């Protein structure tokens, strides 16, 4: 009986490590279409978005939600990987507007690098904590979900209000929420709460993506050097 139990525990641990390894490999792969999409996005004319910010935000939100639904629906097949890579390509294109604004600053390239570096440091630090300690962070789930809903509501409201101070507050809170989501998601993978590496990759990608955007917005606001 003890041998059988030990075998089951060992098999479970091996499976969890496999999911985590596949997730990290897929996460690295998603950076390729993201960069390609970002390069395409930076070369596009987003004047429509400037003229119609509310309509543009809703269209972007709808497109992202549609792709998220496709990834979720196809997660158990090879098409799920294709959908995930397609989603990250689209997400990269949607980085175009903020990257265009950032790179028009005197120190824009430096700020983009700092945002990317900061995102990487936060991700690897929190992922290491969750992996090494194997602590259960599932208790954070409900709080993070409520915080995310409130964050989305505040972001949508600020499209109409356009209050700079509120934008900065939203970005600061977003950095905290998506950092906590990294800890939460990696913990779920390590402890066997998430066994589908496509969905695991999607969750971590969304946290990294939003973390980068909000870090960049804060850096532009506080350190951006206008021409």
C-alpha atoms as a PDB file:
ATOM      1  CA  UNK A   1       0.000   0.000   0.000  1.00  0.00           C
ATOM      2  CA  UNK A   2       2.781   2.433   0.918  1.00  0.00           C
ATOM      3  CA  UNK A   3       4.643   1.551  -2.277  1.00  0.00           C
ATOM      4  CA  UNK A   4       1.510   2.156  -4.341  1.00  0.00           C
ATOM      5  CA  UNK A   5       0.909   5.512  -2.636  1.00  0.00           C
ATOM      6  CA  UNK A   6       4.521   6.575  -3.178  1.00  0.00           C
ATOM      7  CA  UNK A   7       4.249   5.579  -6.841  1.00  0.00           C
ATOM      8  CA  UNK A   8       1.083   7.614  -7.273  1.00  0.00           C
ATOM      9  CA  UNK A   9       2.685  10.648  -5.627  1.00  0.00           C
ATOM     10  CA  UNK A  10       5.748  10.295  -7.837  1.00  0.00           C
ATOM     11  CA  UNK A  11       3.603   9.996 -10.974  1.00  0.00           C
ATOM     12  CA  UNK A  12       1.598  13.084  -9.984  1.00  0.00           C
ATOM     13  CA  UNK A  13       4.771  15.077  -9.341  1.00  0.00           C
ATOM     14  CA  UNK A  14       6.185  14.006 -12.714  1.00  0.00           C
ATOM     15  CA  UNK A  15       2.976  15.060 -14.467  1.00  0.00           C
ATOM     16  CA  UNK A  16       2.973  18.440 -12.711  1.00  0.00           C
ATOM     17  CA  UNK A  17       6.604  19.041 -13.695  1.00  0.00           C
ATOM     18  CA  UNK A  18       5.749  18.103 -17.288  1.00  0.00           C
ATOM     19  CA  UNK A  19       2.887  20.617 -17.403  1.00  0.00           C
ATOM     20  CA  UNK A  20       5.132  23.311 -15.924  1.00  0.00           C
ATOM     21  CA  UNK A  21       7.939  22.544 -18.380  1.00  0.00           C
ATOM     22  CA  UNK A  22       5.568  22.539 -21.374  1.00  0.00           C
ATOM     23  CA  UNK A  23       4.001  25.775 -20.156  1.00  0.00           C
ATOM     24  CA  UNK A  24       7.356  27.544 -19.955  1.00  0.00           C
ATOM     25  CA  UNK A  25       8.350  26.246 -23.397  1.00  0.00           C
ATOM     26  CA  UNK A  26       5.061  27.397 -24.901  1.00  0.00           C
ATOM     27  CA  UNK A  27       5.316  30.725 -23.094  1.00  0.00           C
ATOM     28  CA  UNK A  28       8.735  31.304 -24.653  1.00  0.00           C
ATOM     29  CA  UNK A  29       7.301  30.382 -28.069  1.00  0.00           C
ATOM     30  CA  UNK A  30       4.460  32.909 -27.722  1.00  0.00           C
ATOM     31  CA  UNK A  31       7.002  35.725 -27.533  1.00  0.00           C
ATOM     32  CA  UNK A  32       7.862  35.192 -31.223  1.00  0.00           C
ATOM     33  CA  UNK A  33       4.400  36.044 -32.669  1.00  0.00           C
ATOM     34  CA  UNK A  34       4.074  38.785 -30.048  1.00  0.00           C
ATOM     35  CA  UNK A  35       7.239  40.499 -31.280  1.00  0.00           C
ATOM     36  CA  UNK A  36       6.197  40.017 -34.913  1.00  0.00           C
ATOM     37  CA  UNK A  37       2.767  41.455 -34.142  1.00  0.00           C
ATOM     38  CA  UNK A  38       4.317  44.391 -32.276  1.00  0.00           C
ATOM     39  CA  UNK A  39       6.545  45.204 -35.276  1.00  0.00           C
ATOM     40  CA  UNK A  40       3.489  45.107 -37.535  1.00  0.00           C
ATOM     41  CA  UNK A  41       1.539  47.223 -35.065  1.00  0.00           C
ATOM     42  CA  UNK A  42       4.252  49.874 -34.880  1.00  0.00           C
ATOM     43  CA  UNK A  43       4.108  50.291 -38.667  1.00  0.00           C
ATOM     44  CA  UNK A  44       0.322  50.690 -38.745  1.00  0.00           C
ATOM     45  CA  UNK A  45      -1.671  53.912 -38.727  1.00  0.00           C
ATOM     46  CA  UNK A  46      -3.868  54.008 -35.642  1.00  0.00           C
ATOM     47  CA  UNK A  47      -5.381  57.422 -36.305  1.00  0.00           C
ATOM     48  CA  UNK A  48      -8.828  55.807 -36.167  1.00  0.00           C
ATOM     49  CA  UNK A  49      -8.166  54.856 -32.550  1.00  0.00           C
ATOM     50  CA  UNK A  50      -7.209  58.416 -31.678  1.00  0.00           C
ATOM     51  CA  UNK A  51     -10.350  59.775 -33.338  1.00  0.00           C
ATOM     52  CA  UNK A  52     -12.691  57.138 -31.903  1.00  0.00           C
ATOM     53  CA  UNK A  53     -11.108  55.915 -28.627  1.00  0.00           C
ATOM     54  CA  UNK A  54     -14.285  54.404 -27.186  1.00  0.00           C
ATOM     55  CA  UNK A  55     -15.201  52.448 -30.311  1.00  0.00           C
ATOM     56  CA  UNK A  56     -11.587  51.319 -30.743  1.00  0.00           C
ATOM     57  CA  UNK A  57     -11.318  50.108 -27.150  1.00  0.00           C
ATOM     58  CA  UNK A  58     -14.548  48.134 -27.480  1.00  0.00           C
ATOM     59  CA  UNK A  59     -13.434  46.599 -30.794  1.00  0.00           C
ATOM     60  CA  UNK A  60     -10.075  45.592 -29.307  1.00  0.00           C
ATOM     61  CA  UNK A  61     -11.781  44.152 -26.247  1.00  0.00           C
ATOM     62  CA  UNK A  62     -14.207  42.190 -28.441  1.00  0.00           C
ATOM     63  CA  UNK A  63     -11.424  40.824 -30.663  1.00  0.00           C
ATOM     64  CA  UNK A  64      -9.337  39.737 -27.682  1.00  0.00           C
ATOM     65  CA  UNK A  65     -12.318  38.086 -25.983  1.00  0.00           C
ATOM     66  CA  UNK A  66     -13.185  36.255 -29.194  1.00  0.00           C
ATOM     67  CA  UNK A  67      -9.660  34.868 -29.491  1.00  0.00           C
ATOM     68  CA  UNK A  68      -9.632  33.940 -25.796  1.00  0.00           C
ATOM     69  CA  UNK A  69     -12.845  31.979 -26.323  1.00  0.00           C
ATOM     70  CA  UNK A  70     -11.299  30.204 -29.330  1.00  0.00           C
ATOM     71  CA  UNK A  71      -8.212  29.178 -27.344  1.00  0.00           C
ATOM     72  CA  UNK A  72     -10.360  27.885 -24.500  1.00  0.00           C
ATOM     73  CA  UNK A  73     -12.661  25.948 -26.838  1.00  0.00           C
ATOM     74  CA  UNK A  74      -9.717  24.306 -28.669  1.00  0.00           C
ATOM     75  CA  UNK A  75      -7.441  23.800 -25.659  1.00  0.00           C
ATOM     76  CA  UNK A  76      -7.482  19.985 -25.854  1.00  0.00           C
ATOM     77  CA  UNK A  77      -6.382  19.769 -29.489  1.00  0.00           C
ATOM     78  CA  UNK A  78      -3.472  20.869 -31.623  1.00  0.00           C
ATOM     79  CA  UNK A  79      -5.646  23.690 -32.886  1.00  0.00           C
ATOM     80  CA  UNK A  80      -5.503  25.110 -29.380  1.00  0.00           C
ATOM     81  CA  UNK A  81      -1.797  25.820 -29.853  1.00  0.00           C
ATOM     82  CA  UNK A  82      -2.504  27.473 -33.215  1.00  0.00           C
ATOM     83  CA  UNK A  83      -5.255  29.580 -31.633  1.00  0.00           C
ATOM     84  CA  UNK A  84      -2.936  30.555 -28.786  1.00  0.00           C
ATOM     85  CA  UNK A  85      -0.204  31.671 -31.180  1.00  0.00           C
ATOM     86  CA  UNK A  86      -2.799  33.563 -33.236  1.00  0.00           C
ATOM     87  CA  UNK A  87      -3.997  35.280 -30.092  1.00  0.00           C
ATOM     88  CA  UNK A  88      -0.471  36.345 -29.138  1.00  0.00           C
ATOM     89  CA  UNK A  89       0.086  37.675 -32.671  1.00  0.00           C
ATOM     90  CA  UNK A  90      -3.047  39.810 -32.337  1.00  0.00           C
ATOM     91  CA  UNK A  91      -2.005  40.899 -28.858  1.00  0.00           C
ATOM     92  CA  UNK A  92       1.335  41.992 -30.298  1.00  0.00           C
ATOM     93  CA  UNK A  93      -0.401  44.089 -32.958  1.00  0.00           C
ATOM     94  CA  UNK A  94      -2.445  45.779 -30.228  1.00  0.00           C
ATOM     95  CA  UNK A  95       0.815  46.822 -28.552  1.00  0.00           C
ATOM     96  CA  UNK A  96       1.395  49.074 -31.564  1.00  0.00           C
ATOM     97  CA  UNK A  97      -0.288  52.251 -30.244  1.00  0.00           C
ATOM     98  CA  UNK A  98       1.460  52.337 -26.867  1.00  0.00           C
ATOM     99  CA  UNK A  99       4.822  51.453 -28.439  1.00  0.00           C
ATOM    100  CA  UNK A 100       4.384  54.228 -31.011  1.00  0.00           C
ATOM    101  CA  UNK A 101       3.729  56.726 -28.216  1.00  0.00           C
ATOM    102  CA  UNK A 102       6.640  55.428 -26.148  1.00  0.00           C
ATOM    103  CA  UNK A 103       9.141  55.476 -28.998  1.00  0.00           C
ATOM    104  CA  UNK A 104       8.291  59.104 -29.814  1.00  0.00           C
ATOM    105  CA  UNK A 105       9.763  60.059 -26.435  1.00  0.00           C
ATOM    106  CA  UNK A 106      13.452  60.950 -26.268  1.00  0.00           C
ATOM    107  CA  UNK A 107      14.099  58.041 -23.913  1.00  0.00           C
ATOM    108  CA  UNK A 108      11.327  55.839 -25.310  1.00  0.00           C
ATOM    109  CA  UNK A 109      13.523  52.889 -26.264  1.00  0.00           C
ATOM    110  CA  UNK A 110      15.049  52.899 -22.785  1.00  0.00           C
ATOM    111  CA  UNK A 111      11.588  52.934 -21.176  1.00  0.00           C
ATOM    112  CA  UNK A 112      10.416  50.014 -23.308  1.00  0.00           C
ATOM    113  CA  UNK A 113      13.546  48.104 -22.299  1.00  0.00           C
ATOM    114  CA  UNK A 114      12.999  48.932 -18.628  1.00  0.00           C
ATOM    115  CA  UNK A 115       9.366  47.811 -18.814  1.00  0.00           C
ATOM    116  CA  UNK A 116      10.381  44.547 -20.493  1.00  0.00           C
ATOM    117  CA  UNK A 117      13.204  43.985 -18.012  1.00  0.00           C
ATOM    118  CA  UNK A 118      10.985  44.806 -15.045  1.00  0.00           C
ATOM    119  CA  UNK A 119       8.328  42.425 -16.313  1.00  0.00           C
ATOM    120  CA  UNK A 120      10.915  39.662 -16.680  1.00  0.00           C
ATOM    121  CA  UNK A 121      12.322  40.215 -13.185  1.00  0.00           C
ATOM    122  CA  UNK A 122       8.861  40.185 -11.596  1.00  0.00           C
ATOM    123  CA  UNK A 123       7.832  37.067 -13.495  1.00  0.00           C
ATOM    124  CA  UNK A 124      10.936  35.011 -12.746  1.00  0.00           C
ATOM    125  CA  UNK A 125      11.012  36.113  -9.100  1.00  0.00           C
ATOM    126  CA  UNK A 126       7.383  35.236  -8.389  1.00  0.00           C
ATOM    127  CA  UNK A 127       7.470  32.059 -10.493  1.00  0.00           C
ATOM    128  CA  UNK A 128      10.535  30.931  -8.514  1.00  0.00           C
ATOM    129  CA  UNK A 129       8.787  31.622  -5.204  1.00  0.00           C
ATOM    130  CA  UNK A 130       5.753  29.573  -6.251  1.00  0.00           C
ATOM    131  CA  UNK A 131       7.888  26.733  -7.641  1.00  0.00           C
ATOM    132  CA  UNK A 132      10.431  26.466  -4.834  1.00  0.00           C
ATOM    133  CA  UNK A 133       8.092  26.914  -1.876  1.00  0.00           C
ATOM    134  CA  UNK A 134       5.194  24.967  -3.484  1.00  0.00           C
ATOM    135  CA  UNK A 135       2.948  26.995  -1.207  1.00  0.00           C
ATOM    136  CA  UNK A 136      -0.764  26.961  -1.898  1.00  0.00           C
ATOM    137  CA  UNK A 137      -1.836  30.409  -3.104  1.00  0.00           C
ATOM    138  CA  UNK A 138      -5.327  29.308  -4.162  1.00  0.00           C
ATOM    139  CA  UNK A 139      -6.828  31.480  -1.417  1.00  0.00           C
ATOM    140  CA  UNK A 140      -5.964  34.489  -3.592  1.00  0.00           C
ATOM    141  CA  UNK A 141      -8.237  33.385  -6.424  1.00  0.00           C
ATOM    142  CA  UNK A 142     -11.502  35.045  -5.366  1.00  0.00           C
ATOM    143  CA  UNK A 143      -9.810  38.293  -4.328  1.00  0.00           C
ATOM    144  CA  UNK A 144      -7.889  38.494  -7.595  1.00  0.00           C
ATOM    145  CA  UNK A 145     -11.002  37.801  -9.677  1.00  0.00           C
ATOM    146  CA  UNK A 146     -12.971  40.516  -7.896  1.00  0.00           C
ATOM    147  CA  UNK A 147     -10.019  42.891  -8.252  1.00  0.00           C
ATOM    148  CA  UNK A 148      -9.780  42.099 -11.974  1.00  0.00           C
ATOM    149  CA  UNK A 149     -13.499  42.785 -12.540  1.00  0.00           C
ATOM    150  CA  UNK A 150     -13.225  46.111 -10.703  1.00  0.00           C
ATOM    151  CA  UNK A 151     -10.091  46.957 -12.681  1.00  0.00           C
ATOM    152  CA  UNK A 152     -11.842  46.286 -16.002  1.00  0.00           C
ATOM    153  CA  UNK A 153     -14.846  48.340 -14.897  1.00  0.00           C
ATOM    154  CA  UNK A 154     -12.609  51.252 -13.856  1.00  0.00           C
ATOM    155  CA  UNK A 155     -10.678  51.059 -17.133  1.00  0.00           C
ATOM    156  CA  UNK A 156     -13.872  51.129 -19.196  1.00  0.00           C
ATOM    157  CA  UNK A 157     -15.220  54.028 -17.125  1.00  0.00           C
ATOM    158  CA  UNK A 158     -12.010  55.981 -17.623  1.00  0.00           C
ATOM    159  CA  UNK A 159     -12.407  55.713 -21.397  1.00  0.00           C
ATOM    160  CA  UNK A 160     -15.301  58.140 -20.961  1.00  0.00           C
ATOM    161  CA  UNK A 161     -13.845  60.107 -18.024  1.00  0.00           C
ATOM    162  CA  UNK A 162     -10.257  60.378 -19.337  1.00  0.00           C
ATOM    163  CA  UNK A 163      -8.825  61.345 -15.932  1.00  0.00           C
ATOM    164  CA  UNK A 164      -4.978  61.115 -15.983  1.00  0.00           C
ATOM    165  CA  UNK A 165      -4.697  60.513 -12.235  1.00  0.00           C
ATOM    166  CA  UNK A 166      -7.201  57.668 -12.456  1.00  0.00           C
ATOM    167  CA  UNK A 167      -5.241  56.148 -15.355  1.00  0.00           C
ATOM    168  CA  UNK A 168      -2.080  56.097 -13.250  1.00  0.00           C
ATOM    169  CA  UNK A 169      -3.958  54.607 -10.308  1.00  0.00           C
ATOM    170  CA  UNK A 170      -5.426  51.905 -12.537  1.00  0.00           C
ATOM    171  CA  UNK A 171      -1.965  51.079 -13.940  1.00  0.00           C
ATOM    172  CA  UNK A 172      -0.432  50.851 -10.453  1.00  0.00           C
ATOM    173  CA  UNK A 173      -3.206  48.551  -9.233  1.00  0.00           C
ATOM    174  CA  UNK A 174      -2.946  46.483 -12.424  1.00  0.00           C
ATOM    175  CA  UNK A 175       0.767  45.893 -11.776  1.00  0.00           C
ATOM    176  CA  UNK A 176      -0.079  44.519  -8.321  1.00  0.00           C
ATOM    177  CA  UNK A 177      -2.986  42.373  -9.542  1.00  0.00           C
ATOM    178  CA  UNK A 178      -1.182  40.793 -12.489  1.00  0.00           C
ATOM    179  CA  UNK A 179       1.955  40.206 -10.407  1.00  0.00           C
ATOM    180  CA  UNK A 180      -0.220  38.342  -7.895  1.00  0.00           C
ATOM    181  CA  UNK A 181      -1.813  36.397 -10.756  1.00  0.00           C
ATOM    182  CA  UNK A 182       1.627  35.111 -11.775  1.00  0.00           C
ATOM    183  CA  UNK A 183       2.127  33.766  -8.260  1.00  0.00           C
ATOM    184  CA  UNK A 184      -1.377  32.298  -8.249  1.00  0.00           C
ATOM    185  CA  UNK A 185      -1.152  30.665 -11.699  1.00  0.00           C
ATOM    186  CA  UNK A 186       2.304  29.123 -11.243  1.00  0.00           C
ATOM    187  CA  UNK A 187       1.211  27.797  -7.847  1.00  0.00           C
ATOM    188  CA  UNK A 188      -1.824  26.141  -9.460  1.00  0.00           C
ATOM    189  CA  UNK A 189       0.386  24.446 -12.042  1.00  0.00           C
ATOM    190  CA  UNK A 190       2.924  23.276  -9.471  1.00  0.00           C
ATOM    191  CA  UNK A 191       0.205  21.871  -7.208  1.00  0.00           C
ATOM    192  CA  UNK A 192      -1.725  20.183 -10.019  1.00  0.00           C
ATOM    193  CA  UNK A 193      -4.642  22.619 -10.139  1.00  0.00           C
ATOM    194  CA  UNK A 194      -4.056  23.289 -13.852  1.00  0.00           C
ATOM    195  CA  UNK A 195      -3.187  20.302 -16.053  1.00  0.00           C
ATOM    196  CA  UNK A 196      -3.706  21.824 -19.506  1.00  0.00           C
ATOM    197  CA  UNK A 197      -0.542  23.599 -20.571  1.00  0.00           C
ATOM    198  CA  UNK A 198      -2.339  25.628 -23.277  1.00  0.00           C
ATOM    199  CA  UNK A 199      -4.602  27.231 -20.675  1.00  0.00           C
ATOM    200  CA  UNK A 200      -1.708  27.519 -18.223  1.00  0.00           C
ATOM    201  CA  UNK A 201       0.323  29.353 -20.862  1.00  0.00           C
ATOM    202  CA  UNK A 202      -2.606  31.606 -21.712  1.00  0.00           C
ATOM    203  CA  UNK A 203      -3.052  32.636 -18.076  1.00  0.00           C
ATOM    204  CA  UNK A 204       0.621  33.459 -17.571  1.00  0.00           C
ATOM    205  CA  UNK A 205       0.846  35.214 -20.940  1.00  0.00           C
ATOM    206  CA  UNK A 206      -2.056  37.499 -20.087  1.00  0.00           C
ATOM    207  CA  UNK A 207      -0.429  38.413 -16.767  1.00  0.00           C
ATOM    208  CA  UNK A 208       2.927  39.151 -18.420  1.00  0.00           C
ATOM    209  CA  UNK A 209       1.281  41.102 -21.266  1.00  0.00           C
ATOM    210  CA  UNK A 210      -0.757  43.323 -18.956  1.00  0.00           C
ATOM    211  CA  UNK A 211       2.118  43.719 -16.530  1.00  0.00           C
ATOM    212  CA  UNK A 212       4.355  45.015 -19.339  1.00  0.00           C
ATOM    213  CA  UNK A 213       1.730  47.464 -20.642  1.00  0.00           C
ATOM    214  CA  UNK A 214       1.010  48.954 -17.227  1.00  0.00           C
ATOM    215  CA  UNK A 215       4.660  49.176 -16.236  1.00  0.00           C
ATOM    216  CA  UNK A 216       5.361  51.000 -19.502  1.00  0.00           C
ATOM    217  CA  UNK A 217       2.472  53.407 -18.899  1.00  0.00           C
ATOM    218  CA  UNK A 218       3.801  54.241 -15.430  1.00  0.00           C
ATOM    219  CA  UNK A 219       7.344  54.717 -16.724  1.00  0.00           C
ATOM    220  CA  UNK A 220       6.138  56.994 -19.521  1.00  0.00           C
ATOM    221  CA  UNK A 221       4.114  59.065 -17.071  1.00  0.00           C
ATOM    222  CA  UNK A 222       6.890  59.528 -14.530  1.00  0.00           C
ATOM    223  CA  UNK A 223      10.095  59.268 -16.584  1.00  0.00           C
ATOM    224  CA  UNK A 224       9.114  60.077 -20.140  1.00  0.00           C
ATOM    225  CA  UNK A 225      11.180  62.828 -21.753  1.00  0.00           C
ATOM    226  CA  UNK A 226       9.245  64.816 -24.355  1.00  0.00           C
ATOM    227  CA  UNK A 227      11.002  66.272 -27.375  1.00  0.00           C
END
